[in-house]
């Protein structure tokens, strides 16, 4: 589903490199690629207080609903509303599909929020 007044998000996907010491393949954000997705809904998720000395740190994440078929992985980063901040995708994105009507409302995923 594309929302009539949806927002554009930018998705960043890391390249890869082989660690010369461990010989393991790791993410390389210096060679990341990006693409834009139009027509998304972005809204805040729950907030919670971090256990700290003064309990003043609050994290607010966001839920994003992207058009059906959008490929997002938990390894991606996303910027919203023209921000330069790249927020990490948290959890596994899920492509909704209604079994009785065939309706495909889109891909739902969460991104990290700000610490205040």
PDB file of N, CA and C in Angstrom:
ATOM      1  N   UNK A   1       0.842  -1.170   0.000  1.00  0.00           N
ATOM      2  CA  UNK A   1       0.000   0.000   0.000  1.00  0.00           C
ATOM      3  C   UNK A   1       0.888   1.234   0.000  1.00  0.00           C
ATOM      4  N   UNK A   2       0.610   2.157  -0.875  1.00  0.00           N
ATOM      5  CA  UNK A   2       1.308   3.428  -0.874  1.00  0.00           C
ATOM      6  C   UNK A   2       0.363   4.463  -0.265  1.00  0.00           C
ATOM      7  N   UNK A   3       0.857   5.246   0.632  1.00  0.00           N
ATOM      8  CA  UNK A   3       0.040   6.244   1.306  1.00  0.00           C
ATOM      9  C   UNK A   3       0.014   7.526   0.483  1.00  0.00           C
ATOM     10  N   UNK A   4      -1.163   8.108   0.336  1.00  0.00           N
ATOM     11  CA  UNK A   4      -1.323   9.312  -0.480  1.00  0.00           C
ATOM     12  C   UNK A   4      -0.403  10.436  -0.024  1.00  0.00           C
ATOM     13  N   UNK A   5      -0.189  10.555   1.263  1.00  0.00           N
ATOM     14  CA  UNK A   5       0.673  11.602   1.794  1.00  0.00           C
ATOM     15  C   UNK A   5       1.880  10.971   2.493  1.00  0.00           C
ATOM     16  N   UNK A   6       2.335   9.856   1.945  1.00  0.00           N
ATOM     17  CA  UNK A   6       3.465   9.130   2.524  1.00  0.00           C
ATOM     18  C   UNK A   6       4.768   9.902   2.414  1.00  0.00           C
ATOM     19  N   UNK A   7       5.741   9.405   3.123  1.00  0.00           N
ATOM     20  CA  UNK A   7       7.051  10.039   3.175  1.00  0.00           C
ATOM     21  C   UNK A   7       8.084   9.243   2.399  1.00  0.00           C
ATOM     22  N   UNK A   8       9.146   9.935   2.012  1.00  0.00           N
ATOM     23  CA  UNK A   8      10.265   9.284   1.350  1.00  0.00           C
ATOM     24  C   UNK A   8      11.306   8.939   2.406  1.00  0.00           C
ATOM     25  N   UNK A   9      11.805   7.699   2.361  1.00  0.00           N
ATOM     26  CA  UNK A   9      12.896   7.297   3.240  1.00  0.00           C
ATOM     27  C   UNK A   9      14.097   6.936   2.366  1.00  0.00           C
ATOM     28  N   UNK A  10      15.263   6.951   2.972  1.00  0.00           N
ATOM     29  CA  UNK A  10      16.472   6.554   2.268  1.00  0.00           C
ATOM     30  C   UNK A  10      17.065   5.356   3.000  1.00  0.00           C
ATOM     31  N   UNK A  11      17.319   4.287   2.259  1.00  0.00           N
ATOM     32  CA  UNK A  11      17.841   3.050   2.823  1.00  0.00           C
ATOM     33  C   UNK A  11      19.305   2.908   2.429  1.00  0.00           C
ATOM     34  N   UNK A  12      20.145   2.598   3.410  1.00  0.00           N
ATOM     35  CA  UNK A  12      21.580   2.404   3.184  1.00  0.00           C
ATOM     36  C   UNK A  12      21.914   0.938   3.423  1.00  0.00           C
ATOM     37  N   UNK A  13      22.672   0.361   2.514  1.00  0.00           N
ATOM     38  CA  UNK A  13      23.083  -1.041   2.631  1.00  0.00           C
ATOM     39  C   UNK A  13      24.601  -1.115   2.555  1.00  0.00           C
ATOM     40  N   UNK A  14      25.201  -1.723   3.565  1.00  0.00           N
ATOM     41  CA  UNK A  14      26.665  -1.804   3.644  1.00  0.00           C
ATOM     42  C   UNK A  14      27.235  -2.689   2.549  1.00  0.00           C
ATOM     43  N   UNK A  15      28.441  -2.322   2.126  1.00  0.00           N
ATOM     44  CA  UNK A  15      29.203  -3.204   1.255  1.00  0.00           C
ATOM     45  C   UNK A  15      29.849  -4.266   2.132  1.00  0.00           C
ATOM     46  N   UNK A  16      30.755  -5.020   1.587  1.00  0.00           N
ATOM     47  CA  UNK A  16      31.433  -6.023   2.422  1.00  0.00           C
ATOM     48  C   UNK A  16      32.927  -5.990   2.135  1.00  0.00           C
ATOM     49  N   UNK A  17      33.672  -6.466   3.111  1.00  0.00           N
ATOM     50  CA  UNK A  17      35.117  -6.565   2.949  1.00  0.00           C
ATOM     51  C   UNK A  17      35.585  -7.769   3.751  1.00  0.00           C
ATOM     52  N   UNK A  18      36.734  -8.270   3.402  1.00  0.00           N
ATOM     53  CA  UNK A  18      37.321  -9.401   4.115  1.00  0.00           C
ATOM     54  C   UNK A  18      38.340  -8.855   5.105  1.00  0.00           C
ATOM     55  N   UNK A  19      38.161  -9.197   6.376  1.00  0.00           N
ATOM     56  CA  UNK A  19      39.079  -8.773   7.419  1.00  0.00           C
ATOM     57  C   UNK A  19      40.421  -9.458   7.182  1.00  0.00           C
ATOM     58  N   UNK A  20      41.513  -8.689   7.049  1.00  0.00           N
ATOM     59  CA  UNK A  20      42.814  -9.299   6.731  1.00  0.00           C
ATOM     60  C   UNK A  20      43.367 -10.171   7.856  1.00  0.00           C
ATOM     61  N   UNK A  21      42.870  -9.990   9.061  1.00  0.00           N
ATOM     62  CA  UNK A  21      43.390 -10.767  10.193  1.00  0.00           C
ATOM     63  C   UNK A  21      42.586 -12.043  10.447  1.00  0.00           C
ATOM     64  N   UNK A  22      41.260 -11.927  10.423  1.00  0.00           N
ATOM     65  CA  UNK A  22      40.424 -13.092  10.719  1.00  0.00           C
ATOM     66  C   UNK A  22      39.948 -13.809   9.459  1.00  0.00           C
ATOM     67  N   UNK A  23      40.074 -13.145   8.312  1.00  0.00           N
ATOM     68  CA  UNK A  23      39.628 -13.682   7.029  1.00  0.00           C
ATOM     69  C   UNK A  23      38.098 -13.817   6.959  1.00  0.00           C
ATOM     70  N   UNK A  24      37.402 -13.110   7.858  1.00  0.00           N
ATOM     71  CA  UNK A  24      35.948 -13.123   7.861  1.00  0.00           C
ATOM     72  C   UNK A  24      35.418 -11.953   7.035  1.00  0.00           C
ATOM     73  N   UNK A  25      34.265 -12.154   6.430  1.00  0.00           N
ATOM     74  CA  UNK A  25      33.610 -11.087   5.692  1.00  0.00           C
ATOM     75  C   UNK A  25      32.815 -10.237   6.675  1.00  0.00           C
ATOM     76  N   UNK A  26      33.043  -8.932   6.629  1.00  0.00           N
ATOM     77  CA  UNK A  26      32.359  -8.010   7.531  1.00  0.00           C
ATOM     78  C   UNK A  26      31.708  -6.887   6.731  1.00  0.00           C
ATOM     79  N   UNK A  27      30.799  -6.170   7.390  1.00  0.00           N
ATOM     80  CA  UNK A  27      30.135  -5.029   6.751  1.00  0.00           C
ATOM     81  C   UNK A  27      31.118  -3.885   6.588  1.00  0.00           C
ATOM     82  N   UNK A  28      31.033  -3.211   5.448  1.00  0.00           N
ATOM     83  CA  UNK A  28      31.891  -2.064   5.170  1.00  0.00           C
ATOM     84  C   UNK A  28      31.002  -0.873   4.826  1.00  0.00           C
ATOM     85  N   UNK A  29      30.745  -0.010   5.823  1.00  0.00           N
ATOM     86  CA  UNK A  29      29.851   1.127   5.609  1.00  0.00           C
ATOM     87  C   UNK A  29      30.494   2.220   4.763  1.00  0.00           C
ATOM     88  N   UNK A  30      31.796   2.154   4.558  1.00  0.00           N
ATOM     89  CA  UNK A  30      32.442   3.157   3.708  1.00  0.00           C
ATOM     90  C   UNK A  30      32.115   2.924   2.229  1.00  0.00           C
ATOM     91  N   UNK A  31      31.616   1.745   1.889  1.00  0.00           N
ATOM     92  CA  UNK A  31      31.232   1.442   0.507  1.00  0.00           C
ATOM     93  C   UNK A  31      29.732   1.166   0.396  1.00  0.00           C
ATOM     94  N   UNK A  32      28.967   1.745   1.310  1.00  0.00           N
ATOM     95  CA  UNK A  32      27.518   1.508   1.323  1.00  0.00           C
ATOM     96  C   UNK A  32      26.859   2.059   0.064  1.00  0.00           C
ATOM     97  N   UNK A  33      25.791   1.400  -0.338  1.00  0.00           N
ATOM     98  CA  UNK A  33      24.945   1.892  -1.430  1.00  0.00           C
ATOM     99  C   UNK A  33      23.644   2.379  -0.795  1.00  0.00           C
ATOM    100  N   UNK A  34      22.877   3.158  -1.534  1.00  0.00           N
ATOM    101  CA  UNK A  34      21.616   3.651  -0.987  1.00  0.00           C
ATOM    102  C   UNK A  34      20.555   3.701  -2.072  1.00  0.00           C
ATOM    103  N   UNK A  35      19.312   3.678  -1.632  1.00  0.00           N
ATOM    104  CA  UNK A  35      18.178   3.846  -2.540  1.00  0.00           C
ATOM    105  C   UNK A  35      17.039   4.481  -1.758  1.00  0.00           C
ATOM    106  N   UNK A  36      16.120   5.134  -2.467  1.00  0.00           N
ATOM    107  CA  UNK A  36      15.002   5.807  -1.829  1.00  0.00           C
ATOM    108  C   UNK A  36      13.727   5.007  -2.034  1.00  0.00           C
ATOM    109  N   UNK A  37      12.842   5.093  -1.048  1.00  0.00           N
ATOM    110  CA  UNK A  37      11.542   4.433  -1.124  1.00  0.00           C
ATOM    111  C   UNK A  37      10.477   5.497  -0.873  1.00  0.00           C
ATOM    112  N   UNK A  38       9.580   5.678  -1.820  1.00  0.00           N
ATOM    113  CA  UNK A  38       8.516   6.687  -1.727  1.00  0.00           C
ATOM    114  C   UNK A  38       7.263   6.082  -1.102  1.00  0.00           C
ATOM    115  N   UNK A  39       6.419   6.934  -0.544  1.00  0.00           N
ATOM    116  CA  UNK A  39       5.098   6.529  -0.093  1.00  0.00           C
ATOM    117  C   UNK A  39       5.061   5.717   1.186  1.00  0.00           C
ATOM    118  N   UNK A  40       5.953   5.993   2.116  1.00  0.00           N
ATOM    119  CA  UNK A  40       6.006   5.253   3.381  1.00  0.00           C
ATOM    120  C   UNK A  40       5.253   5.994   4.480  1.00  0.00           C
ATOM    121  N   UNK A  41       4.791   5.237   5.459  1.00  0.00           N
ATOM    122  CA  UNK A  41       4.235   5.821   6.681  1.00  0.00           C
ATOM    123  C   UNK A  41       5.302   5.689   7.757  1.00  0.00           C
ATOM    124  N   UNK A  42       5.543   6.752   8.501  1.00  0.00           N
ATOM    125  CA  UNK A  42       6.535   6.750   9.583  1.00  0.00           C
ATOM    126  C   UNK A  42       5.839   7.278  10.827  1.00  0.00           C
ATOM    127  N   UNK A  43       5.850   6.480  11.892  1.00  0.00           N
ATOM    128  CA  UNK A  43       5.224   6.935  13.130  1.00  0.00           C
ATOM    129  C   UNK A  43       6.001   6.417  14.338  1.00  0.00           C
ATOM    130  N   UNK A  44       5.909   7.098  15.477  1.00  0.00           N
ATOM    131  CA  UNK A  44       6.691   6.710  16.649  1.00  0.00           C
ATOM    132  C   UNK A  44       6.188   5.418  17.278  1.00  0.00           C
ATOM    133  N   UNK A  45       7.129   4.665  17.830  1.00  0.00           N
ATOM    134  CA  UNK A  45       6.780   3.474  18.595  1.00  0.00           C
ATOM    135  C   UNK A  45       6.868   3.830  20.071  1.00  0.00           C
ATOM    136  N   UNK A  46       6.841   2.839  20.901  1.00  0.00           N
ATOM    137  CA  UNK A  46       6.886   3.075  22.351  1.00  0.00           C
ATOM    138  C   UNK A  46       8.169   3.763  22.771  1.00  0.00           C
ATOM    139  N   UNK A  47       8.082   4.479  23.873  1.00  0.00           N
ATOM    140  CA  UNK A  47       9.235   5.105  24.510  1.00  0.00           C
ATOM    141  C   UNK A  47       9.458   4.432  25.846  1.00  0.00           C
ATOM    142  N   UNK A  48      10.695   4.417  26.291  1.00  0.00           N
ATOM    143  CA  UNK A  48      10.979   3.861  27.601  1.00  0.00           C
ATOM    144  C   UNK A  48      12.176   4.562  28.201  1.00  0.00           C
ATOM    145  N   UNK A  49      12.261   4.531  29.501  1.00  0.00           N
ATOM    146  CA  UNK A  49      13.385   5.153  30.196  1.00  0.00           C
ATOM    147  C   UNK A  49      14.495   4.135  30.375  1.00  0.00           C
ATOM    148  N   UNK A  50      15.712   4.577  30.131  1.00  0.00           N
ATOM    149  CA  UNK A  50      16.872   3.720  30.369  1.00  0.00           C
ATOM    150  C   UNK A  50      17.200   3.761  31.850  1.00  0.00           C
ATOM    151  N   UNK A  51      17.559   2.625  32.426  1.00  0.00           N
ATOM    152  CA  UNK A  51      17.971   2.672  33.833  1.00  0.00           C
ATOM    153  C   UNK A  51      19.317   3.385  33.957  1.00  0.00           C
ATOM    154  N   UNK A  52      19.284   4.594  34.393  1.00  0.00           N
ATOM    155  CA  UNK A  52      20.506   5.375  34.570  1.00  0.00           C
ATOM    156  C   UNK A  52      20.405   6.086  35.919  1.00  0.00           C
ATOM    157  N   UNK A  53      21.394   6.828  36.226  1.00  0.00           N
ATOM    158  CA  UNK A  53      21.420   7.509  37.525  1.00  0.00           C
ATOM    159  C   UNK A  53      20.228   8.444  37.683  1.00  0.00           C
ATOM    160  N   UNK A  54      19.938   9.234  36.644  1.00  0.00           N
ATOM    161  CA  UNK A  54      18.855  10.207  36.780  1.00  0.00           C
ATOM    162  C   UNK A  54      17.594   9.834  35.995  1.00  0.00           C
ATOM    163  N   UNK A  55      17.600   8.696  35.320  1.00  0.00           N
ATOM    164  CA  UNK A  55      16.447   8.221  34.537  1.00  0.00           C
ATOM    165  C   UNK A  55      15.947   9.240  33.517  1.00  0.00           C
ATOM    166  N   UNK A  56      16.849  10.017  32.942  1.00  0.00           N
ATOM    167  CA  UNK A  56      16.419  11.042  32.005  1.00  0.00           C
ATOM    168  C   UNK A  56      16.549  10.623  30.542  1.00  0.00           C
ATOM    169  N   UNK A  57      17.205   9.502  30.269  1.00  0.00           N
ATOM    170  CA  UNK A  57      17.387   9.079  28.883  1.00  0.00           C
ATOM    171  C   UNK A  57      16.148   8.349  28.393  1.00  0.00           C
ATOM    172  N   UNK A  58      15.561   8.826  27.305  1.00  0.00           N
ATOM    173  CA  UNK A  58      14.373   8.205  26.722  1.00  0.00           C
ATOM    174  C   UNK A  58      14.675   7.877  25.271  1.00  0.00           C
ATOM    175  N   UNK A  59      14.321   6.676  24.863  1.00  0.00           N
ATOM    176  CA  UNK A  59      14.503   6.286  23.472  1.00  0.00           C
ATOM    177  C   UNK A  59      13.140   6.179  22.813  1.00  0.00           C
ATOM    178  N   UNK A  60      12.953   6.833  21.700  1.00  0.00           N
ATOM    179  CA  UNK A  60      11.730   6.714  20.920  1.00  0.00           C
ATOM    180  C   UNK A  60      12.116   6.156  19.572  1.00  0.00           C
ATOM    181  N   UNK A  61      11.621   4.990  19.277  1.00  0.00           N
ATOM    182  CA  UNK A  61      11.879   4.397  17.970  1.00  0.00           C
ATOM    183  C   UNK A  61      10.768   4.778  17.012  1.00  0.00           C
ATOM    184  N   UNK A  62      10.883   4.316  15.797  1.00  0.00           N
ATOM    185  CA  UNK A  62       9.876   4.581  14.778  1.00  0.00           C
ATOM    186  C   UNK A  62       9.508   3.285  14.088  1.00  0.00           C
ATOM    187  N   UNK A  63       8.249   3.180  13.694  1.00  0.00           N
ATOM    188  CA  UNK A  63       7.799   2.093  12.837  1.00  0.00           C
ATOM    189  C   UNK A  63       7.640   2.677  11.446  1.00  0.00           C
ATOM    190  N   UNK A  64       8.095   1.938  10.458  1.00  0.00           N
ATOM    191  CA  UNK A  64       7.971   2.360   9.066  1.00  0.00           C
ATOM    192  C   UNK A  64       7.157   1.308   8.327  1.00  0.00           C
ATOM    193  N   UNK A  65       6.169   1.767   7.565  1.00  0.00           N
ATOM    194  CA  UNK A  65       5.426   0.894   6.661  1.00  0.00           C
ATOM    195  C   UNK A  65       5.812   1.301   5.249  1.00  0.00           C
ATOM    196  N   UNK A  66       6.492   0.410   4.555  1.00  0.00           N
ATOM    197  CA  UNK A  66       6.946   0.675   3.189  1.00  0.00           C
ATOM    198  C   UNK A  66       6.063  -0.112   2.220  1.00  0.00           C
ATOM    199  N   UNK A  67       6.000   0.299   0.957  1.00  0.00           N
ATOM    200  CA  UNK A  67       5.173  -0.420  -0.013  1.00  0.00           C
ATOM    201  C   UNK A  67       5.540  -1.911  -0.087  1.00  0.00           C
ATOM    202  N   UNK A  68       4.527  -2.723  -0.357  1.00  0.00           N
ATOM    203  CA  UNK A  68       4.727  -4.177  -0.478  1.00  0.00           C
ATOM    204  C   UNK A  68       5.845  -4.466  -1.475  1.00  0.00           C
ATOM    205  N   UNK A  69       6.671  -5.432  -1.141  1.00  0.00           N
ATOM    206  CA  UNK A  69       7.766  -5.827  -2.018  1.00  0.00           C
ATOM    207  C   UNK A  69       9.064  -5.088  -1.785  1.00  0.00           C
ATOM    208  N   UNK A  70       9.042  -4.046  -0.939  1.00  0.00           N
ATOM    209  CA  UNK A  70      10.269  -3.322  -0.607  1.00  0.00           C
ATOM    210  C   UNK A  70      11.210  -4.263   0.122  1.00  0.00           C
ATOM    211  N   UNK A  71      12.450  -4.329  -0.314  1.00  0.00           N
ATOM    212  CA  UNK A  71      13.413  -5.232   0.316  1.00  0.00           C
ATOM    213  C   UNK A  71      14.215  -4.468   1.360  1.00  0.00           C
ATOM    214  N   UNK A  72      13.970  -4.799   2.621  1.00  0.00           N
ATOM    215  CA  UNK A  72      14.662  -4.208   3.757  1.00  0.00           C
ATOM    216  C   UNK A  72      15.201  -5.362   4.597  1.00  0.00           C
ATOM    217  N   UNK A  73      16.417  -5.228   5.097  1.00  0.00           N
ATOM    218  CA  UNK A  73      16.962  -6.266   5.968  1.00  0.00           C
ATOM    219  C   UNK A  73      17.316  -5.659   7.315  1.00  0.00           C
ATOM    220  N   UNK A  74      17.506  -6.503   8.312  1.00  0.00           N
ATOM    221  CA  UNK A  74      17.856  -6.001   9.642  1.00  0.00           C
ATOM    222  C   UNK A  74      19.275  -5.451   9.690  1.00  0.00           C
ATOM    223  N   UNK A  75      20.030  -5.616   8.604  1.00  0.00           N
ATOM    224  CA  UNK A  75      21.393  -5.086   8.543  1.00  0.00           C
ATOM    225  C   UNK A  75      21.438  -3.692   7.921  1.00  0.00           C
ATOM    226  N   UNK A  76      20.294  -3.213   7.416  1.00  0.00           N
ATOM    227  CA  UNK A  76      20.238  -1.910   6.757  1.00  0.00           C
ATOM    228  C   UNK A  76      20.159  -0.776   7.762  1.00  0.00           C
ATOM    229  N   UNK A  77      20.372   0.424   7.255  1.00  0.00           N
ATOM    230  CA  UNK A  77      20.169   1.659   8.003  1.00  0.00           C
ATOM    231  C   UNK A  77      19.224   2.527   7.193  1.00  0.00           C
ATOM    232  N   UNK A  78      18.486   3.385   7.875  1.00  0.00           N
ATOM    233  CA  UNK A  78      17.465   4.200   7.220  1.00  0.00           C
ATOM    234  C   UNK A  78      17.538   5.625   7.733  1.00  0.00           C
ATOM    235  N   UNK A  79      17.372   6.591   6.832  1.00  0.00           N
ATOM    236  CA  UNK A  79      17.195   7.979   7.269  1.00  0.00           C
ATOM    237  C   UNK A  79      15.785   8.402   6.880  1.00  0.00           C
ATOM    238  N   UNK A  80      15.172   9.186   7.764  1.00  0.00           N
ATOM    239  CA  UNK A  80      13.796   9.624   7.550  1.00  0.00           C
ATOM    240  C   UNK A  80      13.735  11.146   7.580  1.00  0.00           C
ATOM    241  N   UNK A  81      12.737  11.682   6.896  1.00  0.00           N
ATOM    242  CA  UNK A  81      12.435  13.112   6.935  1.00  0.00           C
ATOM    243  C   UNK A  81      13.629  14.004   6.613  1.00  0.00           C
ATOM    244  N   UNK A  82      14.465  13.553   5.692  1.00  0.00           N
ATOM    245  CA  UNK A  82      15.605  14.346   5.258  1.00  0.00           C
ATOM    246  C   UNK A  82      16.760  14.387   6.229  1.00  0.00           C
ATOM    247  N   UNK A  83      16.706  13.595   7.288  1.00  0.00           N
ATOM    248  CA  UNK A  83      17.791  13.583   8.269  1.00  0.00           C
ATOM    249  C   UNK A  83      19.073  13.031   7.649  1.00  0.00           C
ATOM    250  N   UNK A  84      20.193  13.463   8.179  1.00  0.00           N
ATOM    251  CA  UNK A  84      21.472  12.882   7.774  1.00  0.00           C
ATOM    252  C   UNK A  84      21.833  11.702   8.666  1.00  0.00           C
ATOM    253  N   UNK A  85      21.100  11.556   9.775  1.00  0.00           N
ATOM    254  CA  UNK A  85      21.325  10.433  10.699  1.00  0.00           C
ATOM    255  C   UNK A  85      20.862   9.142  10.036  1.00  0.00           C
ATOM    256  N   UNK A  86      21.706   8.125  10.118  1.00  0.00           N
ATOM    257  CA  UNK A  86      21.331   6.809   9.611  1.00  0.00           C
ATOM    258  C   UNK A  86      20.921   5.953  10.806  1.00  0.00           C
ATOM    259  N   UNK A  87      19.645   5.624  10.894  1.00  0.00           N
ATOM    260  CA  UNK A  87      19.113   4.845  12.004  1.00  0.00           C
ATOM    261  C   UNK A  87      19.139   3.360  11.642  1.00  0.00           C
ATOM    262  N   UNK A  88      19.512   2.521  12.597  1.00  0.00           N
ATOM    263  CA  UNK A  88      19.586   1.090  12.337  1.00  0.00           C
ATOM    264  C   UNK A  88      18.201   0.461  12.369  1.00  0.00           C
ATOM    265  N   UNK A  89      17.982  -0.501  11.467  1.00  0.00           N
ATOM    266  CA  UNK A  89      16.759  -1.294  11.483  1.00  0.00           C
ATOM    267  C   UNK A  89      16.874  -2.259  12.656  1.00  0.00           C
ATOM    268  N   UNK A  90      15.831  -2.305  13.475  1.00  0.00           N
ATOM    269  CA  UNK A  90      15.839  -3.210  14.624  1.00  0.00           C
ATOM    270  C   UNK A  90      14.806  -4.304  14.385  1.00  0.00           C
ATOM    271  N   UNK A  91      15.156  -5.519  14.665  1.00  0.00           N
ATOM    272  CA  UNK A  91      14.235  -6.633  14.446  1.00  0.00           C
ATOM    273  C   UNK A  91      14.188  -7.023  12.982  1.00  0.00           C
ATOM    274  N   UNK A  92      13.269  -7.913  12.675  1.00  0.00           N
ATOM    275  CA  UNK A  92      13.129  -8.424  11.314  1.00  0.00           C
ATOM    276  C   UNK A  92      11.955  -7.764  10.602  1.00  0.00           C
ATOM    277  N   UNK A  93      12.190  -7.175   9.431  1.00  0.00           N
ATOM    278  CA  UNK A  93      11.082  -6.611   8.649  1.00  0.00           C
ATOM    279  C   UNK A  93      10.111  -7.730   8.252  1.00  0.00           C
ATOM    280  N   UNK A  94       8.842  -7.366   8.126  1.00  0.00           N
ATOM    281  CA  UNK A  94       7.819  -8.353   7.809  1.00  0.00           C
ATOM    282  C   UNK A  94       6.935  -7.825   6.695  1.00  0.00           C
ATOM    283  N   UNK A  95       6.793  -8.600   5.623  1.00  0.00           N
ATOM    284  CA  UNK A  95       5.957  -8.237   4.476  1.00  0.00           C
ATOM    285  C   UNK A  95       4.569  -8.820   4.711  1.00  0.00           C
ATOM    286  N   UNK A  96       3.617  -7.944   5.094  1.00  0.00           N
ATOM    287  CA  UNK A  96       2.270  -8.390   5.418  1.00  0.00           C
ATOM    288  C   UNK A  96       1.532  -8.865   4.180  1.00  0.00           C
ATOM    289  N   UNK A  97       0.708  -9.897   4.341  1.00  0.00           N
ATOM    290  CA  UNK A  97      -0.137 -10.414   3.257  1.00  0.00           C
ATOM    291  C   UNK A  97      -1.392 -10.994   3.889  1.00  0.00           C
ATOM    292  N   UNK A  98      -2.565 -10.500   3.465  1.00  0.00           N
ATOM    293  CA  UNK A  98      -3.830 -10.991   4.016  1.00  0.00           C
ATOM    294  C   UNK A  98      -4.223 -12.288   3.309  1.00  0.00           C
ATOM    295  N   UNK A  99      -4.398 -13.385   4.059  1.00  0.00           N
ATOM    296  CA  UNK A  99      -4.645 -14.682   3.434  1.00  0.00           C
ATOM    297  C   UNK A  99      -6.026 -14.831   2.788  1.00  0.00           C
ATOM    298  N   UNK A 100      -6.997 -14.007   3.160  1.00  0.00           N
ATOM    299  CA  UNK A 100      -8.340 -14.152   2.610  1.00  0.00           C
ATOM    300  C   UNK A 100      -8.618 -13.223   1.436  1.00  0.00           C
ATOM    301  N   UNK A 101      -8.031 -12.033   1.472  1.00  0.00           N
ATOM    302  CA  UNK A 101      -8.329 -11.053   0.423  1.00  0.00           C
ATOM    303  C   UNK A 101      -7.173 -10.847  -0.554  1.00  0.00           C
ATOM    304  N   UNK A 102      -5.956 -11.275  -0.163  1.00  0.00           N
ATOM    305  CA  UNK A 102      -4.792 -11.039  -1.013  1.00  0.00           C
ATOM    306  C   UNK A 102      -4.216  -9.648  -0.857  1.00  0.00           C
ATOM    307  N   UNK A 103      -4.766  -8.879   0.068  1.00  0.00           N
ATOM    308  CA  UNK A 103      -4.307  -7.509   0.302  1.00  0.00           C
ATOM    309  C   UNK A 103      -2.883  -7.520   0.813  1.00  0.00           C
ATOM    310  N   UNK A 104      -2.020  -6.694   0.228  1.00  0.00           N
ATOM    311  CA  UNK A 104      -0.626  -6.547   0.636  1.00  0.00           C
ATOM    312  C   UNK A 104      -0.401  -5.133   1.156  1.00  0.00           C
ATOM    313  N   UNK A 105      -0.584  -4.919   2.469  1.00  0.00           N
ATOM    314  CA  UNK A 105      -0.454  -3.566   3.001  1.00  0.00           C
ATOM    315  C   UNK A 105       0.960  -3.037   3.038  1.00  0.00           C
ATOM    316  N   UNK A 106       1.960  -3.901   2.968  1.00  0.00           N
ATOM    317  CA  UNK A 106       3.326  -3.407   2.913  1.00  0.00           C
ATOM    318  C   UNK A 106       4.264  -4.097   3.871  1.00  0.00           C
ATOM    319  N   UNK A 107       5.484  -3.567   3.899  1.00  0.00           N
ATOM    320  CA  UNK A 107       6.551  -4.113   4.730  1.00  0.00           C
ATOM    321  C   UNK A 107       6.666  -3.253   5.990  1.00  0.00           C
ATOM    322  N   UNK A 108       6.529  -3.871   7.142  1.00  0.00           N
ATOM    323  CA  UNK A 108       6.634  -3.159   8.411  1.00  0.00           C
ATOM    324  C   UNK A 108       7.987  -3.456   9.053  1.00  0.00           C
ATOM    325  N   UNK A 109       8.642  -2.403   9.543  1.00  0.00           N
ATOM    326  CA  UNK A 109       9.893  -2.589  10.276  1.00  0.00           C
ATOM    327  C   UNK A 109      10.095  -1.428  11.219  1.00  0.00           C
ATOM    328  N   UNK A 110      10.940  -1.645  12.209  1.00  0.00           N
ATOM    329  CA  UNK A 110      11.230  -0.602  13.176  1.00  0.00           C
ATOM    330  C   UNK A 110      12.655  -0.109  13.034  1.00  0.00           C
ATOM    331  N   UNK A 111      12.852   1.170  13.341  1.00  0.00           N
ATOM    332  CA  UNK A 111      14.196   1.756  13.334  1.00  0.00           C
ATOM    333  C   UNK A 111      14.428   2.394  14.693  1.00  0.00           C
ATOM    334  N   UNK A 112      15.701   2.497  15.043  1.00  0.00           N
ATOM    335  CA  UNK A 112      16.064   3.036  16.358  1.00  0.00           C
ATOM    336  C   UNK A 112      15.689   4.501  16.465  1.00  0.00           C
ATOM    337  N   UNK A 113      15.558   4.951  17.703  1.00  0.00           N
ATOM    338  CA  UNK A 113      15.203   6.336  17.959  1.00  0.00           C
ATOM    339  C   UNK A 113      16.379   7.121  18.486  1.00  0.00           C
ATOM    340  N   UNK A 114      16.074   8.261  19.056  1.00  0.00           N
ATOM    341  CA  UNK A 114      17.086   9.140  19.638  1.00  0.00           C
ATOM    342  C   UNK A 114      17.185   8.865  21.123  1.00  0.00           C
ATOM    343  N   UNK A 115      18.380   9.034  21.660  1.00  0.00           N
ATOM    344  CA  UNK A 115      18.524   9.004  23.106  1.00  0.00           C
ATOM    345  C   UNK A 115      18.537  10.452  23.565  1.00  0.00           C
ATOM    346  N   UNK A 116      17.721  10.743  24.522  1.00  0.00           N
ATOM    347  CA  UNK A 116      17.608  12.107  25.025  1.00  0.00           C
ATOM    348  C   UNK A 116      17.974  12.139  26.477  1.00  0.00           C
TER     349      UNK A 116
END
